[in-house]
Amino acid sequence: MNFIRPQFRKSTLLLSGIVLGSLLGLSSSFAHDIDVTGVARVFMDELDDKQYQLSIVDQQVPPLFNIERILPERCSGLAPGRFSYRFECEPKLNTEDSLSFPWPLEGLVLITQWSDGSNVSGFFPGDGSSIEVPMAEMKAGSASLANLSRRYLILGGEHILFGPDHLLFVLGLMLLLQGFWKIFKTITAFTVAHSITLAFAVLGIFPLPRAPIEVLIAVSIIFLAREIVIGQQGKTTLVHSKPWIVAFAFGLVHGFGFAGALGELGLSDADIPLALLFFNLGVEAGQVAFICSLLLLNFLITRFLYHLVPGIQRGLAYGLGGIASYWFLERIPMLFIV
């Protein structure tokens, strides 16, 4: 027996009926059929901190005779209600969990209502025998503060160390500057700026589309490369005398770039502040590690290959400009994709 939500979700079912009817009507007008039965629709409600309720809309979906086989091991099924399956988990579902539905369908749409009032929906494709639904993508809460902190600290470090555009910008700043305090103030300005826009974007205060941000990041590296070459020719501009101004301005842009990685994972509202803090700390740790590596490399080259330093710096400046120009041309078409 399949179950339907107690409140019957009238508006949802009516909308689904209209959509299904339209698709079925269209299918008779085309040479191929549209399979509207290959995707299941499931509602999950968090009743309290430990109990949950699953409701299945589609009558053609196979019933869940043993609810526990789709749940994490620490969860157990409860007596089903008249129109739903119920279960409990101790501790409650978190980002480390997933539900595995034993259905040979094309996919599943899960609509979740958490106890804090938030609603999250997602589509999950099937592999022919089952459908895996990670709770992290449904903005479940964290398993623990330690787990959340570790996860986003590592994520932040990985994002900066495996993000070549951000690393090249930092490299450009290092080539542009001389003197510890000037480097310190400039990198600090860059850090403060991207921390501000990262927080704004993740919290939804001032979100921006990704395409123009990626283009502006490429432009920032081209600009730095130009200033490095000008400085090597003996000319100075405001960028050379007060580089922290430029670092702050472009840091605002790079912060929106960092936000893309954090936003794609999905976070419950309660976890956002802590995740944001540790993601940013991870970014800074990775950035510091990269800067220390550059300083060590510069020390070794200056000490043992000092006669090659001018040529190496000039080559790096042109290399930065060339790579960033390629990225700029590659990313420009993204601005026109709707």
C-alpha atoms as a PDB file:
ATOM      1  CA  MET A   1       0.000   0.000   0.000  1.00  0.00           C
ATOM      2  CA  ASN A   2       1.290   3.493  -0.866  1.00  0.00           C
ATOM      3  CA  PHE A   3       0.698   6.451   1.354  1.00  0.00           C
ATOM      4  CA  ILE A   4      -0.475  10.004   0.734  1.00  0.00           C
ATOM      5  CA  ARG A   5       0.265  13.000   2.948  1.00  0.00           C
ATOM      6  CA  PRO A   6      -2.355  13.544   5.692  1.00  0.00           C
ATOM      7  CA  GLN A   7      -3.186  17.082   4.593  1.00  0.00           C
ATOM      8  CA  PHE A   8      -3.340  15.814   0.976  1.00  0.00           C
ATOM      9  CA  ARG A   9      -1.164  18.779  -0.074  1.00  0.00           C
ATOM     10  CA  LYS A  10      -4.048  20.065  -2.213  1.00  0.00           C
ATOM     11  CA  SER A  11      -2.179  22.861  -3.896  1.00  0.00           C
ATOM     12  CA  THR A  12       0.827  20.666  -4.677  1.00  0.00           C
ATOM     13  CA  LEU A  13      -1.263  17.829  -6.070  1.00  0.00           C
ATOM     14  CA  LEU A  14      -3.367  20.231  -8.143  1.00  0.00           C
ATOM     15  CA  LEU A  15      -0.242  21.800  -9.625  1.00  0.00           C
ATOM     16  CA  SER A  16       1.248  18.360 -10.242  1.00  0.00           C
ATOM     17  CA  GLY A  17      -1.953  17.294 -11.993  1.00  0.00           C
ATOM     18  CA  ILE A  18      -1.891  20.332 -14.252  1.00  0.00           C
ATOM     19  CA  VAL A  19       1.770  19.763 -15.138  1.00  0.00           C
ATOM     20  CA  LEU A  20       1.269  16.044 -15.730  1.00  0.00           C
ATOM     21  CA  GLY A  21      -1.808  16.676 -17.840  1.00  0.00           C
ATOM     22  CA  SER A  22       0.038  19.220 -19.937  1.00  0.00           C
ATOM     23  CA  LEU A  23       2.993  16.900 -20.456  1.00  0.00           C
ATOM     24  CA  LEU A  24       0.747  13.981 -21.377  1.00  0.00           C
ATOM     25  CA  GLY A  25      -1.122  16.181 -23.814  1.00  0.00           C
ATOM     26  CA  LEU A  26       2.132  17.292 -25.392  1.00  0.00           C
ATOM     27  CA  SER A  27       3.369  13.723 -25.674  1.00  0.00           C
ATOM     28  CA  SER A  28       0.656  12.900 -28.202  1.00  0.00           C
ATOM     29  CA  SER A  29       1.902  15.712 -30.424  1.00  0.00           C
ATOM     30  CA  PHE A  30       5.507  14.505 -30.645  1.00  0.00           C
ATOM     31  CA  ALA A  31       7.114  11.432 -32.138  1.00  0.00           C
ATOM     32  CA  HIS A  32       8.506  10.348 -28.758  1.00  0.00           C
ATOM     33  CA  ASP A  33       6.775   9.886 -25.418  1.00  0.00           C
ATOM     34  CA  ILE A  34       7.586  11.921 -22.340  1.00  0.00           C
ATOM     35  CA  ASP A  35       8.073   9.643 -19.348  1.00  0.00           C
ATOM     36  CA  VAL A  36       6.437  11.498 -16.471  1.00  0.00           C
ATOM     37  CA  THR A  37       6.242   8.418 -14.262  1.00  0.00           C
ATOM     38  CA  GLY A  38       9.984   7.809 -13.949  1.00  0.00           C
ATOM     39  CA  VAL A  39      10.501  10.384 -11.173  1.00  0.00           C
ATOM     40  CA  ALA A  40       9.063   9.837  -7.690  1.00  0.00           C
ATOM     41  CA  ARG A  41       7.915  12.681  -5.447  1.00  0.00           C
ATOM     42  CA  VAL A  42       8.485  12.316  -1.731  1.00  0.00           C
ATOM     43  CA  PHE A  43       7.803  14.681   1.189  1.00  0.00           C
ATOM     44  CA  MET A  44       9.780  14.491   4.415  1.00  0.00           C
ATOM     45  CA  ASP A  45       8.794  16.403   7.557  1.00  0.00           C
ATOM     46  CA  GLU A  46      10.916  16.788  10.670  1.00  0.00           C
ATOM     47  CA  LEU A  47       8.341  16.425  13.454  1.00  0.00           C
ATOM     48  CA  ASP A  48      10.767  17.197  16.290  1.00  0.00           C
ATOM     49  CA  ASP A  49      14.465  16.722  17.044  1.00  0.00           C
ATOM     50  CA  LYS A  50      14.307  12.959  16.511  1.00  0.00           C
ATOM     51  CA  GLN A  51      11.170  11.981  14.584  1.00  0.00           C
ATOM     52  CA  TYR A  52      10.423  12.247  10.877  1.00  0.00           C
ATOM     53  CA  GLN A  53       7.593  11.493   8.497  1.00  0.00           C
ATOM     54  CA  LEU A  54       7.804  10.388   4.850  1.00  0.00           C
ATOM     55  CA  SER A  55       4.878  10.800   2.465  1.00  0.00           C
ATOM     56  CA  ILE A  56       4.865   9.461  -1.110  1.00  0.00           C
ATOM     57  CA  VAL A  57       2.642  11.148  -3.687  1.00  0.00           C
ATOM     58  CA  ASP A  58       2.915   8.788  -6.660  1.00  0.00           C
ATOM     59  CA  GLN A  59       0.767   5.665  -6.647  1.00  0.00           C
ATOM     60  CA  GLN A  60       3.041   3.827  -9.098  1.00  0.00           C
ATOM     61  CA  VAL A  61       6.020   3.973  -6.726  1.00  0.00           C
ATOM     62  CA  PRO A  62       6.782   0.616  -5.024  1.00  0.00           C
ATOM     63  CA  PRO A  63       5.869   0.628  -1.314  1.00  0.00           C
ATOM     64  CA  LEU A  64       8.518   0.688   1.402  1.00  0.00           C
ATOM     65  CA  PHE A  65       7.702  -2.546   3.243  1.00  0.00           C
ATOM     66  CA  ASN A  66      10.746  -2.136   5.496  1.00  0.00           C
ATOM     67  CA  ILE A  67      11.375   1.538   6.149  1.00  0.00           C
ATOM     68  CA  GLU A  68      14.597   0.815   8.051  1.00  0.00           C
ATOM     69  CA  ARG A  69      16.444  -0.397   4.959  1.00  0.00           C
ATOM     70  CA  ILE A  70      16.482   3.130   3.504  1.00  0.00           C
ATOM     71  CA  LEU A  71      17.661   4.768   6.759  1.00  0.00           C
ATOM     72  CA  PRO A  72      21.039   5.209   8.506  1.00  0.00           C
ATOM     73  CA  GLU A  73      21.797   2.353  10.931  1.00  0.00           C
ATOM     74  CA  ARG A  74      21.038   4.367  14.054  1.00  0.00           C
ATOM     75  CA  CYS A  75      17.506   5.153  12.820  1.00  0.00           C
ATOM     76  CA  SER A  76      14.484   2.936  13.399  1.00  0.00           C
ATOM     77  CA  GLY A  77      10.999   2.753  11.944  1.00  0.00           C
ATOM     78  CA  LEU A  78       7.912   3.643  13.941  1.00  0.00           C
ATOM     79  CA  ALA A  79       4.352   2.507  13.501  1.00  0.00           C
ATOM     80  CA  PRO A  80       3.177   4.021  10.207  1.00  0.00           C
ATOM     81  CA  GLY A  81       0.428   6.589  10.229  1.00  0.00           C
ATOM     82  CA  ARG A  82      -2.628   6.276   8.079  1.00  0.00           C
ATOM     83  CA  PHE A  83      -1.074   8.180   5.229  1.00  0.00           C
ATOM     84  CA  SER A  84       2.653   8.164   5.940  1.00  0.00           C
ATOM     85  CA  TYR A  85       5.791   6.337   7.056  1.00  0.00           C
ATOM     86  CA  ARG A  86       7.389   7.471  10.299  1.00  0.00           C
ATOM     87  CA  PHE A  87      10.848   6.933  11.791  1.00  0.00           C
ATOM     88  CA  GLU A  88      13.197   8.316  14.422  1.00  0.00           C
ATOM     89  CA  CYS A  89      16.952   8.859  14.599  1.00  0.00           C
ATOM     90  CA  GLU A  90      19.133   9.305  17.682  1.00  0.00           C
ATOM     91  CA  PRO A  91      20.949  11.593  17.177  1.00  0.00           C
ATOM     92  CA  LYS A  92      18.903  13.340  14.500  1.00  0.00           C
ATOM     93  CA  LEU A  93      19.656  13.292  10.769  1.00  0.00           C
ATOM     94  CA  ASN A  94      22.730  15.322   9.836  1.00  0.00           C
ATOM     95  CA  THR A  95      24.993  16.183   6.923  1.00  0.00           C
ATOM     96  CA  GLU A  96      26.837  12.861   7.178  1.00  0.00           C
ATOM     97  CA  ASP A  97      23.671  10.828   6.532  1.00  0.00           C
ATOM     98  CA  SER A  98      21.849   9.746   3.390  1.00  0.00           C
ATOM     99  CA  LEU A  99      18.609   7.961   2.549  1.00  0.00           C
ATOM    100  CA  SER A 100      18.733   5.127  -0.006  1.00  0.00           C
ATOM    101  CA  PHE A 101      15.449   4.380  -1.767  1.00  0.00           C
ATOM    102  CA  PRO A 102      15.344   0.912  -3.429  1.00  0.00           C
ATOM    103  CA  TRP A 103      13.506   2.089  -6.539  1.00  0.00           C
ATOM    104  CA  PRO A 104      14.615   1.412 -10.159  1.00  0.00           C
ATOM    105  CA  LEU A 105      13.410   4.852 -11.254  1.00  0.00           C
ATOM    106  CA  GLU A 106      15.002   7.689 -13.184  1.00  0.00           C
ATOM    107  CA  GLY A 107      15.135   9.827 -10.092  1.00  0.00           C
ATOM    108  CA  LEU A 108      13.439  11.275  -7.062  1.00  0.00           C
ATOM    109  CA  VAL A 109      12.311  14.740  -6.007  1.00  0.00           C
ATOM    110  CA  LEU A 110      12.485  15.157  -2.232  1.00  0.00           C
ATOM    111  CA  ILE A 111      10.773  18.093  -0.547  1.00  0.00           C
ATOM    112  CA  THR A 112      11.833  18.508   3.074  1.00  0.00           C
ATOM    113  CA  GLN A 113      10.340  20.675   5.784  1.00  0.00           C
ATOM    114  CA  TRP A 114      12.659  21.023   8.754  1.00  0.00           C
ATOM    115  CA  SER A 115      11.459  21.775  12.276  1.00  0.00           C
ATOM    116  CA  ASP A 116      12.872  25.331  12.068  1.00  0.00           C
ATOM    117  CA  GLY A 117      10.349  26.100   9.313  1.00  0.00           C
ATOM    118  CA  SER A 118      12.773  25.972   6.377  1.00  0.00           C
ATOM    119  CA  ASN A 119      11.793  24.104   3.214  1.00  0.00           C
ATOM    120  CA  VAL A 120      14.365  22.504   0.903  1.00  0.00           C
ATOM    121  CA  SER A 121      13.829  20.522  -2.280  1.00  0.00           C
ATOM    122  CA  GLY A 122      16.199  18.621  -4.553  1.00  0.00           C
ATOM    123  CA  PHE A 123      16.312  16.185  -7.451  1.00  0.00           C
ATOM    124  CA  PHE A 124      18.413  13.034  -7.174  1.00  0.00           C
ATOM    125  CA  PRO A 125      18.975  10.705 -10.176  1.00  0.00           C
ATOM    126  CA  GLY A 126      18.747   6.933  -9.840  1.00  0.00           C
ATOM    127  CA  ASP A 127      21.383   4.390 -10.869  1.00  0.00           C
ATOM    128  CA  GLY A 128      18.899   1.797 -12.120  1.00  0.00           C
ATOM    129  CA  SER A 129      18.441  -0.014  -8.826  1.00  0.00           C
ATOM    130  CA  SER A 130      18.355   2.651  -6.101  1.00  0.00           C
ATOM    131  CA  ILE A 131      18.345   6.394  -5.462  1.00  0.00           C
ATOM    132  CA  GLU A 132      20.772   7.926  -2.986  1.00  0.00           C
ATOM    133  CA  VAL A 133      19.721  11.154  -1.229  1.00  0.00           C
ATOM    134  CA  PRO A 134      22.563  12.874   0.721  1.00  0.00           C
ATOM    135  CA  MET A 135      21.198  14.895   3.612  1.00  0.00           C
ATOM    136  CA  ALA A 136      23.944  17.488   3.138  1.00  0.00           C
ATOM    137  CA  GLU A 137      22.212  18.548  -0.082  1.00  0.00           C
ATOM    138  CA  MET A 138      18.946  18.954   1.811  1.00  0.00           C
ATOM    139  CA  LYS A 139      20.581  21.379   4.278  1.00  0.00           C
ATOM    140  CA  ALA A 140      20.466  19.031   7.221  1.00  0.00           C
ATOM    141  CA  GLY A 141      22.147  20.179  10.416  1.00  0.00           C
ATOM    142  CA  SER A 142      25.744  19.318  11.213  1.00  0.00           C
ATOM    143  CA  ALA A 143      26.613  16.095  13.017  1.00  0.00           C
ATOM    144  CA  SER A 144      28.603  18.060  15.622  1.00  0.00           C
ATOM    145  CA  LEU A 145      30.376  21.380  15.992  1.00  0.00           C
ATOM    146  CA  ALA A 146      33.747  19.629  15.725  1.00  0.00           C
ATOM    147  CA  ASN A 147      32.711  17.863  12.525  1.00  0.00           C
ATOM    148  CA  LEU A 148      31.347  21.071  10.991  1.00  0.00           C
ATOM    149  CA  SER A 149      34.478  23.013  11.924  1.00  0.00           C
ATOM    150  CA  ARG A 150      36.836  20.394  10.526  1.00  0.00           C
ATOM    151  CA  ARG A 151      34.815  19.960   7.336  1.00  0.00           C
ATOM    152  CA  TYR A 152      34.742  23.646   6.400  1.00  0.00           C
ATOM    153  CA  LEU A 153      38.287  24.362   7.568  1.00  0.00           C
ATOM    154  CA  ILE A 154      39.519  21.700   5.137  1.00  0.00           C
ATOM    155  CA  LEU A 155      37.153  22.904   2.426  1.00  0.00           C
ATOM    156  CA  GLY A 156      38.446  26.462   2.723  1.00  0.00           C
ATOM    157  CA  GLY A 157      42.072  25.329   2.557  1.00  0.00           C
ATOM    158  CA  GLU A 158      41.383  23.134  -0.458  1.00  0.00           C
ATOM    159  CA  HIS A 159      39.505  25.903  -2.225  1.00  0.00           C
ATOM    160  CA  ILE A 160      42.399  28.356  -2.048  1.00  0.00           C
ATOM    161  CA  LEU A 161      45.165  25.824  -2.713  1.00  0.00           C
ATOM    162  CA  PHE A 162      43.369  24.275  -5.687  1.00  0.00           C
ATOM    163  CA  GLY A 163      41.989  27.571  -6.983  1.00  0.00           C
ATOM    164  CA  PRO A 164      44.637  28.779  -9.452  1.00  0.00           C
ATOM    165  CA  ASP A 165      43.048  32.169 -10.130  1.00  0.00           C
ATOM    166  CA  HIS A 166      43.175  33.190  -6.461  1.00  0.00           C
ATOM    167  CA  LEU A 167      46.721  31.878  -6.075  1.00  0.00           C
ATOM    168  CA  LEU A 168      47.897  33.772  -9.160  1.00  0.00           C
ATOM    169  CA  PHE A 169      46.455  36.988  -7.754  1.00  0.00           C
ATOM    170  CA  VAL A 170      48.383  36.462  -4.500  1.00  0.00           C
ATOM    171  CA  LEU A 171      51.517  35.679  -6.535  1.00  0.00           C
ATOM    172  CA  GLY A 172      50.994  38.929  -8.440  1.00  0.00           C
ATOM    173  CA  LEU A 173      50.793  40.880  -5.180  1.00  0.00           C
ATOM    174  CA  MET A 174      54.032  39.279  -3.994  1.00  0.00           C
ATOM    175  CA  LEU A 175      55.812  40.198  -7.252  1.00  0.00           C
ATOM    176  CA  LEU A 176      54.517  43.746  -7.034  1.00  0.00           C
ATOM    177  CA  LEU A 177      55.619  44.410  -3.464  1.00  0.00           C
ATOM    178  CA  GLN A 178      58.858  44.747  -1.560  1.00  0.00           C
ATOM    179  CA  GLY A 179      59.233  44.973   2.192  1.00  0.00           C
ATOM    180  CA  PHE A 180      57.581  42.969   4.937  1.00  0.00           C
ATOM    181  CA  TRP A 181      55.177  45.635   6.208  1.00  0.00           C
ATOM    182  CA  LYS A 182      53.946  46.579   2.756  1.00  0.00           C
ATOM    183  CA  ILE A 183      53.294  42.902   2.005  1.00  0.00           C
ATOM    184  CA  PHE A 184      51.584  42.462   5.391  1.00  0.00           C
ATOM    185  CA  LYS A 185      49.247  45.463   4.959  1.00  0.00           C
ATOM    186  CA  THR A 186      48.374  44.535   1.390  1.00  0.00           C
ATOM    187  CA  ILE A 187      47.605  40.881   2.128  1.00  0.00           C
ATOM    188  CA  THR A 188      45.609  41.945   5.193  1.00  0.00           C
ATOM    189  CA  ALA A 189      43.535  44.332   3.065  1.00  0.00           C
ATOM    190  CA  PHE A 190      42.888  41.522   0.550  1.00  0.00           C
ATOM    191  CA  THR A 191      41.878  39.182   3.384  1.00  0.00           C
ATOM    192  CA  VAL A 192      39.506  41.652   5.040  1.00  0.00           C
ATOM    193  CA  ALA A 193      37.854  42.497   1.719  1.00  0.00           C
ATOM    194  CA  HIS A 194      37.171  38.941   0.563  1.00  0.00           C
ATOM    195  CA  SER A 195      35.972  38.040   4.068  1.00  0.00           C
ATOM    196  CA  ILE A 196      33.344  40.795   3.845  1.00  0.00           C
ATOM    197  CA  THR A 197      31.931  39.806   0.462  1.00  0.00           C
ATOM    198  CA  LEU A 198      32.144  36.094   1.271  1.00  0.00           C
ATOM    199  CA  ALA A 199      29.895  36.719   4.285  1.00  0.00           C
ATOM    200  CA  PHE A 200      27.547  38.984   2.317  1.00  0.00           C
ATOM    201  CA  ALA A 201      27.128  36.458  -0.482  1.00  0.00           C
ATOM    202  CA  VAL A 202      26.640  33.389   1.733  1.00  0.00           C
ATOM    203  CA  LEU A 203      24.166  35.173   4.007  1.00  0.00           C
ATOM    204  CA  GLY A 204      22.212  36.377   0.976  1.00  0.00           C
ATOM    205  CA  ILE A 205      22.733  40.071   1.835  1.00  0.00           C
ATOM    206  CA  PHE A 206      24.328  40.968  -1.490  1.00  0.00           C
ATOM    207  CA  PRO A 207      24.533  37.966  -3.858  1.00  0.00           C
ATOM    208  CA  LEU A 208      25.944  38.341  -7.356  1.00  0.00           C
ATOM    209  CA  PRO A 209      25.832  36.027 -10.394  1.00  0.00           C
ATOM    210  CA  ARG A 210      28.941  33.900 -10.868  1.00  0.00           C
ATOM    211  CA  ALA A 211      29.759  34.717 -14.528  1.00  0.00           C
ATOM    212  CA  PRO A 212      30.705  38.417 -14.146  1.00  0.00           C
ATOM    213  CA  ILE A 213      32.663  37.624 -10.980  1.00  0.00           C
ATOM    214  CA  GLU A 214      34.797  35.073 -12.829  1.00  0.00           C
ATOM    215  CA  VAL A 215      35.481  37.624 -15.576  1.00  0.00           C
ATOM    216  CA  LEU A 216      36.456  40.314 -13.052  1.00  0.00           C
ATOM    217  CA  ILE A 217      38.813  37.895 -11.277  1.00  0.00           C
ATOM    218  CA  ALA A 218      40.647  37.371 -14.572  1.00  0.00           C
ATOM    219  CA  VAL A 219      40.734  41.158 -15.102  1.00  0.00           C
ATOM    220  CA  SER A 220      42.252  41.650 -11.627  1.00  0.00           C
ATOM    221  CA  ILE A 221      45.182  39.362 -12.500  1.00  0.00           C
ATOM    222  CA  ILE A 222      45.712  41.071 -15.878  1.00  0.00           C
ATOM    223  CA  PHE A 223      45.776  44.432 -14.093  1.00  0.00           C
ATOM    224  CA  LEU A 224      48.344  43.192 -11.578  1.00  0.00           C
ATOM    225  CA  ALA A 225      50.535  41.745 -14.341  1.00  0.00           C
ATOM    226  CA  ARG A 226      50.527  45.115 -16.117  1.00  0.00           C
ATOM    227  CA  GLU A 227      51.505  46.962 -12.934  1.00  0.00           C
ATOM    228  CA  ILE A 228      54.353  44.499 -12.292  1.00  0.00           C
ATOM    229  CA  VAL A 229      55.774  45.082 -15.779  1.00  0.00           C
ATOM    230  CA  ILE A 230      55.444  48.856 -15.390  1.00  0.00           C
ATOM    231  CA  GLY A 231      57.268  48.690 -12.062  1.00  0.00           C
ATOM    232  CA  GLN A 232      60.083  46.651 -13.607  1.00  0.00           C
ATOM    233  CA  GLN A 233      60.487  49.416 -16.190  1.00  0.00           C
ATOM    234  CA  GLY A 234      61.087  51.962 -13.424  1.00  0.00           C
ATOM    235  CA  LYS A 235      57.634  53.587 -13.538  1.00  0.00           C
ATOM    236  CA  THR A 236      55.435  53.862 -10.469  1.00  0.00           C
ATOM    237  CA  THR A 237      51.724  54.433 -10.015  1.00  0.00           C
ATOM    238  CA  LEU A 238      49.321  54.633  -7.079  1.00  0.00           C
ATOM    239  CA  VAL A 239      49.265  50.839  -7.089  1.00  0.00           C
ATOM    240  CA  HIS A 240      52.958  50.732  -6.199  1.00  0.00           C
ATOM    241  CA  SER A 241      52.755  53.375  -3.477  1.00  0.00           C
ATOM    242  CA  LYS A 242      49.452  52.213  -1.915  1.00  0.00           C
ATOM    243  CA  PRO A 243      48.863  48.645  -3.106  1.00  0.00           C
ATOM    244  CA  TRP A 244      46.473  47.827  -0.240  1.00  0.00           C
ATOM    245  CA  ILE A 245      43.803  49.996  -1.928  1.00  0.00           C
ATOM    246  CA  VAL A 246      43.867  47.852  -5.055  1.00  0.00           C
ATOM    247  CA  ALA A 247      44.154  44.668  -2.983  1.00  0.00           C
ATOM    248  CA  PHE A 248      41.048  45.646  -1.018  1.00  0.00           C
ATOM    249  CA  ALA A 249      39.048  46.505  -4.155  1.00  0.00           C
ATOM    250  CA  PHE A 250      39.873  43.265  -5.934  1.00  0.00           C
ATOM    251  CA  GLY A 251      39.559  41.328  -2.678  1.00  0.00           C
ATOM    252  CA  LEU A 252      35.866  42.256  -2.677  1.00  0.00           C
ATOM    253  CA  VAL A 253      35.561  40.570  -6.074  1.00  0.00           C
ATOM    254  CA  HIS A 254      37.493  37.459  -5.049  1.00  0.00           C
ATOM    255  CA  GLY A 255      35.269  37.061  -1.989  1.00  0.00           C
ATOM    256  CA  PHE A 256      32.259  36.495  -4.235  1.00  0.00           C
ATOM    257  CA  GLY A 257      34.313  33.845  -6.015  1.00  0.00           C
ATOM    258  CA  PHE A 258      34.977  32.059  -2.712  1.00  0.00           C
ATOM    259  CA  ALA A 259      31.263  32.186  -1.911  1.00  0.00           C
ATOM    260  CA  GLY A 260      30.480  29.948  -4.888  1.00  0.00           C
ATOM    261  CA  ALA A 261      32.122  26.947  -3.220  1.00  0.00           C
ATOM    262  CA  LEU A 262      30.314  27.488   0.071  1.00  0.00           C
ATOM    263  CA  GLY A 263      26.929  28.100  -1.484  1.00  0.00           C
ATOM    264  CA  GLU A 264      26.960  24.967  -3.627  1.00  0.00           C
ATOM    265  CA  LEU A 265      27.102  22.638  -0.623  1.00  0.00           C
ATOM    266  CA  GLY A 266      23.920  23.647   1.133  1.00  0.00           C
ATOM    267  CA  LEU A 267      23.819  24.695   4.779  1.00  0.00           C
ATOM    268  CA  SER A 268      21.142  24.868   7.404  1.00  0.00           C
ATOM    269  CA  ASP A 269      20.569  28.406   8.671  1.00  0.00           C
ATOM    270  CA  ALA A 270      21.863  27.489  12.130  1.00  0.00           C
ATOM    271  CA  ASP A 271      25.176  26.209  10.724  1.00  0.00           C
ATOM    272  CA  ILE A 272      25.961  29.110   8.383  1.00  0.00           C
ATOM    273  CA  PRO A 273      27.854  31.392  10.839  1.00  0.00           C
ATOM    274  CA  LEU A 274      30.193  28.661  12.092  1.00  0.00           C
ATOM    275  CA  ALA A 275      30.704  27.183   8.624  1.00  0.00           C
ATOM    276  CA  LEU A 276      31.464  30.649   7.261  1.00  0.00           C
ATOM    277  CA  LEU A 277      34.001  31.293  10.023  1.00  0.00           C
ATOM    278  CA  PHE A 278      35.906  28.045   9.544  1.00  0.00           C
ATOM    279  CA  PHE A 279      35.736  28.158   5.746  1.00  0.00           C
ATOM    280  CA  ASN A 280      37.327  31.597   5.903  1.00  0.00           C
ATOM    281  CA  LEU A 281      39.955  30.380   8.385  1.00  0.00           C
ATOM    282  CA  GLY A 282      40.740  27.523   5.991  1.00  0.00           C
ATOM    283  CA  VAL A 283      41.121  29.988   3.124  1.00  0.00           C
ATOM    284  CA  GLU A 284      43.487  32.113   5.199  1.00  0.00           C
ATOM    285  CA  ALA A 285      45.507  29.079   6.325  1.00  0.00           C
ATOM    286  CA  GLY A 286      45.931  27.998   2.715  1.00  0.00           C
ATOM    287  CA  GLN A 287      46.827  31.527   1.694  1.00  0.00           C
ATOM    288  CA  VAL A 288      49.460  31.825   4.450  1.00  0.00           C
ATOM    289  CA  ALA A 289      50.945  28.453   3.462  1.00  0.00           C
ATOM    290  CA  PHE A 290      51.196  29.610  -0.172  1.00  0.00           C
ATOM    291  CA  ILE A 291      52.799  32.932   0.795  1.00  0.00           C
ATOM    292  CA  CYS A 292      55.343  31.176   3.033  1.00  0.00           C
ATOM    293  CA  SER A 293      56.229  28.853   0.163  1.00  0.00           C
ATOM    294  CA  LEU A 294      56.742  31.849  -2.136  1.00  0.00           C
ATOM    295  CA  LEU A 295      58.947  33.609   0.412  1.00  0.00           C
ATOM    296  CA  LEU A 296      61.072  30.479   0.876  1.00  0.00           C
ATOM    297  CA  LEU A 297      61.394  30.023  -2.880  1.00  0.00           C
ATOM    298  CA  ASN A 298      62.330  33.698  -3.310  1.00  0.00           C
ATOM    299  CA  PHE A 299      64.975  33.361  -0.569  1.00  0.00           C
ATOM    300  CA  LEU A 300      66.537  30.322  -2.264  1.00  0.00           C
ATOM    301  CA  ILE A 301      66.542  31.930  -5.710  1.00  0.00           C
ATOM    302  CA  THR A 302      67.941  35.216  -4.391  1.00  0.00           C
ATOM    303  CA  ARG A 303      70.670  33.404  -2.456  1.00  0.00           C
ATOM    304  CA  PHE A 304      71.786  30.881  -5.048  1.00  0.00           C
ATOM    305  CA  LEU A 305      70.491  32.153  -8.401  1.00  0.00           C
ATOM    306  CA  TYR A 306      70.490  35.911  -7.799  1.00  0.00           C
ATOM    307  CA  HIS A 307      71.623  36.697 -11.355  1.00  0.00           C
ATOM    308  CA  LEU A 308      68.422  35.075 -12.680  1.00  0.00           C
ATOM    309  CA  VAL A 309      66.002  37.006 -10.434  1.00  0.00           C
ATOM    310  CA  PRO A 310      65.157  39.841 -12.919  1.00  0.00           C
ATOM    311  CA  GLY A 311      64.469  37.402 -15.738  1.00  0.00           C
ATOM    312  CA  ILE A 312      62.369  35.116 -13.535  1.00  0.00           C
ATOM    313  CA  GLN A 313      60.259  38.013 -12.256  1.00  0.00           C
ATOM    314  CA  ARG A 314      59.723  39.356 -15.771  1.00  0.00           C
ATOM    315  CA  GLY A 315      58.771  35.915 -17.032  1.00  0.00           C
ATOM    316  CA  LEU A 316      56.318  35.409 -14.175  1.00  0.00           C
ATOM    317  CA  ALA A 317      54.683  38.786 -14.843  1.00  0.00           C
ATOM    318  CA  TYR A 318      54.145  37.991 -18.532  1.00  0.00           C
ATOM    319  CA  GLY A 319      53.047  34.485 -17.616  1.00  0.00           C
ATOM    320  CA  LEU A 320      50.427  35.859 -15.217  1.00  0.00           C
ATOM    321  CA  GLY A 321      49.140  38.225 -17.862  1.00  0.00           C
ATOM    322  CA  GLY A 322      48.999  35.514 -20.516  1.00  0.00           C
ATOM    323  CA  ILE A 323      47.129  33.002 -18.379  1.00  0.00           C
ATOM    324  CA  ALA A 324      44.679  35.626 -17.103  1.00  0.00           C
ATOM    325  CA  SER A 325      44.052  36.893 -20.638  1.00  0.00           C
ATOM    326  CA  TYR A 326      43.193  33.355 -21.720  1.00  0.00           C
ATOM    327  CA  TRP A 327      40.786  33.015 -18.786  1.00  0.00           C
ATOM    328  CA  PHE A 328      39.240  36.376 -19.655  1.00  0.00           C
ATOM    329  CA  LEU A 329      38.542  35.353 -23.255  1.00  0.00           C
ATOM    330  CA  GLU A 330      37.298  31.933 -22.124  1.00  0.00           C
ATOM    331  CA  ARG A 331      34.886  33.412 -19.561  1.00  0.00           C
ATOM    332  CA  ILE A 332      33.452  36.285 -21.602  1.00  0.00           C
ATOM    333  CA  PRO A 333      30.879  34.034 -23.407  1.00  0.00           C
ATOM    334  CA  MET A 334      29.491  33.015 -19.981  1.00  0.00           C
ATOM    335  CA  LEU A 335      28.124  36.555 -19.623  1.00  0.00           C
ATOM    336  CA  PHE A 336      25.701  35.951 -22.481  1.00  0.00           C
ATOM    337  CA  ILE A 337      24.458  32.521 -21.399  1.00  0.00           C
ATOM    338  CA  VAL A 338      21.063  32.831 -19.752  1.00  0.00           C
END
